[in-house]
Protein backbone atom coordinates (compact mmCIF):
# COMPACT_ATOMS: atom_id res chain seq x y z
CA PRO A 1 -0.02 0.03 0.10
CA GLU A 2 3.07 2.43 0.78
CA THR A 3 4.12 2.14 -2.79
CA TYR A 4 0.79 1.91 -4.76
CA THR A 5 -1.82 4.18 -5.57
CA PRO A 6 -5.10 2.23 -6.24
CA THR A 7 -6.06 4.20 -9.70
CA TYR A 8 -7.95 2.61 -12.58
CA GLU A 9 -4.74 3.78 -14.68
CA ASN A 10 -1.98 2.12 -12.14
CA TYR A 11 -3.82 -1.28 -12.20
CA LEU A 12 -4.01 -1.47 -16.22
CA ALA A 13 -0.24 -0.86 -16.09
CA LEU A 14 0.15 -4.06 -14.11
CA VAL A 15 -1.87 -5.93 -16.10
CA HIS A 16 -0.25 -8.61 -18.55
CA PRO A 17 -0.14 -6.86 -22.04
CA ASP A 18 -1.83 -9.74 -23.89
CA ASP A 19 -4.48 -9.69 -21.32
CA ARG A 20 -5.11 -5.91 -21.11
CA GLN A 21 -7.33 -5.29 -24.19
CA ARG A 22 -9.87 -7.70 -22.87
CA VAL A 23 -9.56 -6.11 -19.14
CA MET A 24 -10.27 -2.54 -20.83
CA ASP A 25 -13.00 -3.94 -22.92
CA ALA A 26 -14.86 -5.59 -19.90
CA THR A 27 -14.62 -2.66 -17.84
CA ASP A 28 -15.58 -0.15 -20.67
CA ARG A 29 -18.70 -2.28 -20.93
CA VAL A 30 -19.50 -2.19 -17.03
CA PHE A 31 -18.74 1.39 -16.91
CA HIS A 32 -20.96 2.73 -19.76
CA GLU A 33 -23.54 -0.43 -20.25
CA HIS A 34 -23.71 -1.33 -17.02
CA VAL A 35 -22.74 -4.75 -17.68
CA PRO A 36 -21.22 -6.96 -14.67
CA TYR A 37 -17.78 -9.16 -15.94
CA SER A 38 -16.11 -12.13 -14.85
CA HIS A 39 -12.65 -13.13 -16.18
CA ASP A 40 -9.06 -14.51 -15.81
CA GLU A 41 -6.16 -12.20 -16.08
CA ARG A 42 -2.43 -11.65 -15.35
CA ILE A 43 -0.88 -9.33 -13.33
CA PHE A 44 2.83 -8.21 -12.78
CA ARG A 45 3.83 -8.13 -9.13
CA PRO A 46 6.65 -5.59 -7.94
CA ASP A 47 9.25 -7.98 -8.32
CA GLY A 48 7.98 -9.25 -12.02
CA SER A 49 6.56 -12.48 -10.97
CA VAL A 50 3.27 -13.29 -12.69
CA ARG A 51 0.09 -13.94 -10.64
CA TYR A 52 -3.16 -15.41 -12.26
CA LEU A 53 -6.07 -13.71 -11.08
CA HIS A 54 -10.18 -14.81 -11.41
CA THR A 55 -11.76 -11.08 -11.20
CA TRP A 56 -15.48 -10.87 -11.40
CA ALA A 57 -17.46 -6.84 -10.84
CA HIS A 58 -20.97 -6.00 -10.99
CA PRO A 59 -22.16 -2.40 -11.32
CA VAL A 60 -24.21 -0.63 -8.34
CA LEU A 61 -26.70 1.94 -9.70
CA ASP A 62 -28.30 4.69 -8.04
CA ASP A 63 -32.27 5.18 -8.19
CA ALA A 64 -31.68 7.11 -11.45
CA GLY A 65 -29.49 4.56 -12.99
CA THR A 66 -26.31 5.77 -12.70
CA LEU A 67 -23.37 3.80 -11.87
CA VAL A 68 -22.25 4.61 -8.17
CA ARG A 69 -19.70 1.89 -7.36
CA LEU A 70 -18.19 -1.48 -8.48
CA LEU A 71 -18.61 -4.68 -6.22
CA GLY A 72 -16.41 -7.36 -7.04
CA VAL A 73 -13.26 -9.85 -6.37
CA CYS A 74 -10.03 -10.68 -7.57
CA GLN A 75 -8.97 -13.97 -6.45
CA ASP A 76 -5.13 -15.36 -7.04
CA ILE A 77 -5.63 -18.47 -8.88
CA THR A 78 -2.10 -19.01 -9.87
CA ASP A 79 -1.66 -22.27 -8.50
CA ARG A 80 -4.92 -23.73 -10.12
CA LYS A 81 -3.96 -21.91 -13.44
CA LEU A 82 -0.28 -23.37 -13.51
CA ALA A 83 -1.87 -27.19 -12.54
CA GLU A 84 -4.23 -26.55 -15.65
CA ILE A 85 -1.31 -25.31 -17.73
CA ASP A 86 0.92 -28.16 -17.00
CA ARG A 87 -1.93 -30.86 -17.40
CA GLN A 88 -2.49 -28.95 -21.03
CA ARG A 89 0.82 -29.44 -22.06
CA ILE A 90 1.00 -32.99 -20.91
CA GLN A 91 -1.82 -33.81 -23.01
CA ASP A 92 -1.01 -31.83 -26.22
CA GLU A 93 2.52 -33.72 -25.86
CA LEU A 94 0.85 -37.05 -25.80
CA ALA A 95 -1.50 -36.28 -28.41
CA TYR A 96 1.43 -35.00 -30.64
CA ARG A 97 3.44 -38.11 -29.59
CA SER A 98 0.19 -40.53 -30.64
CA ALA A 99 0.01 -38.26 -34.15
CA HIS A 100 3.64 -37.96 -35.09
CA ASP A 101 6.55 -40.33 -35.75
CA ALA A 102 9.21 -40.55 -33.19
CA ILE A 103 12.23 -40.69 -35.42
CA THR A 104 11.15 -38.06 -38.42
CA GLY A 105 8.45 -35.98 -36.56
CA LEU A 106 6.43 -36.57 -39.45
CA GLU A 107 2.47 -37.49 -39.32
CA ARG A 108 1.72 -41.14 -38.37
CA TYR A 109 0.35 -42.58 -42.09
CA SER A 110 -2.63 -43.93 -39.89
CA LEU A 111 -3.73 -40.11 -40.03
CA LEU A 112 -3.58 -39.35 -43.45
CA GLN A 113 -6.19 -40.97 -44.58
CA PRO A 114 -8.58 -38.13 -43.13
CA ARG A 115 -6.18 -35.34 -44.51
CA PHE A 116 -6.51 -37.15 -48.13
CA ASP A 117 -10.25 -36.90 -47.94
CA ARG A 118 -9.94 -33.44 -46.91
CA MET A 119 -7.38 -32.55 -49.50
CA ILE A 120 -9.50 -34.25 -52.28
CA SER A 121 -12.58 -32.13 -51.07
CA THR A 122 -10.77 -28.81 -51.26
CA GLY A 123 -9.02 -29.52 -54.22
CA ASN A 124 -10.04 -30.71 -57.93
CA GLY A 125 -11.09 -34.03 -56.41
CA ALA A 126 -7.88 -35.74 -57.62
CA LEU A 127 -4.93 -37.13 -55.60
CA SER A 128 -1.70 -38.79 -56.39
CA VAL A 129 0.02 -40.90 -53.68
CA LEU A 130 3.86 -40.94 -53.63
CA LEU A 131 5.76 -43.85 -51.81
CA LEU A 132 9.61 -43.32 -51.50
CA ASP A 133 11.96 -46.31 -50.41
CA LEU A 134 15.68 -45.80 -49.58
CA ASP A 135 17.26 -48.76 -51.24
CA GLY A 136 20.41 -50.00 -49.32
CA PHE A 137 19.10 -48.59 -46.01
CA LYS A 138 19.12 -52.20 -44.83
CA GLY A 139 23.02 -52.08 -44.98
CA ILE A 140 23.49 -48.79 -43.09
CA ASN A 141 21.42 -50.25 -40.23
CA GLU A 142 23.46 -53.25 -40.19
CA SER A 143 27.04 -51.80 -41.11
CA MET A 144 26.85 -48.52 -38.99
CA GLY A 145 23.78 -49.06 -36.10
CA HIS A 146 20.94 -47.56 -35.78
CA GLU A 147 21.71 -44.09 -34.24
CA HIS A 148 23.27 -43.45 -37.98
CA ALA A 149 20.03 -45.01 -39.62
CA ASP A 150 18.00 -43.07 -37.57
CA ARG A 151 19.89 -39.72 -38.52
CA VAL A 152 19.42 -40.80 -42.65
CA LEU A 153 15.72 -40.67 -41.78
CA ARG A 154 15.79 -37.46 -39.93
CA VAL A 155 17.56 -35.80 -42.84
CA VAL A 156 15.30 -37.26 -45.36
CA ALA A 157 12.43 -36.16 -43.61
CA ASP A 158 13.40 -32.62 -43.30
CA ARG A 159 14.08 -32.56 -46.95
CA LEU A 160 10.77 -33.66 -48.03
CA ARG A 161 9.25 -31.78 -45.41
CA SER A 162 10.16 -28.38 -47.48
CA TRP A 163 7.55 -29.24 -49.75
CA GLU A 164 4.87 -29.97 -47.00
CA SER A 165 1.79 -27.27 -47.53
CA ASP A 166 -2.24 -27.57 -47.32
CA SER A 167 -1.87 -29.66 -50.97
CA ILE A 168 0.91 -31.83 -50.10
CA ALA A 169 1.07 -34.22 -47.28
CA ILE A 170 3.87 -36.33 -46.26
CA SER A 171 4.24 -39.13 -43.75
CA HIS A 172 6.73 -41.99 -42.47
CA LEU A 173 5.17 -45.10 -43.40
CA ALA A 174 7.63 -47.46 -41.64
CA GLY A 175 11.69 -48.38 -41.77
CA ASP A 176 12.78 -46.39 -44.84
CA GLU A 177 9.30 -46.10 -46.37
CA PHE A 178 7.58 -42.64 -47.06
CA ALA A 179 4.28 -41.70 -48.29
CA MET A 180 3.32 -38.10 -49.87
CA GLY A 181 -0.24 -37.27 -50.92
CA VAL A 182 -0.31 -34.60 -53.68
CA ALA A 183 -3.76 -32.83 -54.13
CA GLY A 184 -4.53 -30.33 -57.17
CA HIS A 185 -1.73 -31.38 -59.48
CA ASP A 186 -2.06 -32.79 -62.98
CA GLY A 187 0.11 -35.66 -63.93
CA PRO A 188 3.06 -34.07 -65.53
CA SER A 189 3.29 -31.83 -62.31
CA VAL A 190 2.99 -34.85 -59.80
CA LEU A 191 5.82 -36.37 -61.73
CA ALA A 192 8.27 -33.54 -61.78
CA LEU A 193 7.49 -32.69 -58.01
CA ALA A 194 8.59 -36.64 -57.27
CA GLU A 195 11.78 -35.81 -59.58
CA ALA A 196 12.49 -32.81 -57.43
CA MET A 197 11.89 -34.64 -54.34
CA ARG A 198 14.17 -37.78 -55.39
CA THR A 199 16.90 -35.54 -56.43
CA ALA A 200 16.87 -33.53 -53.21
CA VAL A 201 16.87 -36.87 -51.13
CA ALA A 202 19.48 -38.32 -53.05
CA GLU A 203 21.91 -35.48 -52.14
CA PRO A 204 24.71 -36.97 -50.00
CA ILE A 205 24.25 -37.32 -46.21
CA ALA A 206 27.00 -36.67 -44.03
CA SER A 207 26.83 -39.17 -41.01
CA GLY A 208 29.86 -39.26 -38.62
CA ASN A 209 32.94 -40.02 -40.63
CA ALA A 210 30.81 -41.59 -43.62
CA ASP A 211 29.48 -40.07 -46.67
CA LEU A 212 26.17 -41.83 -47.43
CA SER A 213 25.81 -40.82 -50.93
CA ALA A 214 25.37 -44.25 -52.30
CA LEU A 215 21.64 -44.48 -51.30
CA GLN A 216 19.32 -45.21 -54.16
CA ILE A 217 16.14 -43.53 -54.17
CA ALA A 218 12.97 -45.26 -56.03
CA PHE A 219 9.46 -43.55 -56.04
CA ALA A 220 6.17 -44.97 -57.10
CA ALA A 221 3.51 -42.82 -57.81
CA ALA A 222 -0.71 -44.20 -57.85
C-alpha cells in the first residue's frame, strides 16, 4: 500500500499486455453499459513475477440508474491455473506423440486418410500418392547401427518436409518408406515434383565420418 496508488490506470499498468485489452473492454462495458464481468487475467507483481487472477465485478446503480460503485473480487488462482497449463501441456505432448513418428516427427500414416479426404474435397478431386523407398538402407542399419540409420531418416524427413503444404501431405510409413499425398496437381506436375524430391533426398548425407551418397531413391506413383 505504501508504494501503490489504487487508480484504474495504475491497475491497468500491472495487467499483462496480452490481457490488457480484454480487461479494458470489460471495464468499458461495465462503466457505460452497466454489464457485469467475470474473467481471468494475469498481473505483474513488483518483483516481476506473474500471478493469475479471477476477477468479477457487479455494477451498483443509484435510483437514477447512474453507476456509483463496483462490487467485486479479485481471487488469486495462480496455483490452479499453472496446474491446468501443465495438464494441458502433457495432454498436447501425448497427442503429438500419438500422431507423429518418434524418429522423423512426420505425421503417422494412419492419420493421412482423413487428411487425404480433406485434400480431395478442397482440391479438384484428384489426389496422387507417392511412395518413397531408400534402397540400401538395410545395409546402413547393419553396418553402421541404428543411430546412423535414424539420422538418415531424420535428414530425409527434413528434406521432404520443405514441400509440405495444404496440398502436399508427407508421412513416414515404416522403416525406410515414406508416403506423400499430392492434391490439385496434374500428372506432369506430380512427376516433376517426384523428380525434385528424388534429387533432393539423393544428395549426400554426412553421418559421422561416412558420406552416405550411395543411397538409391525409388519412387512409385499411384
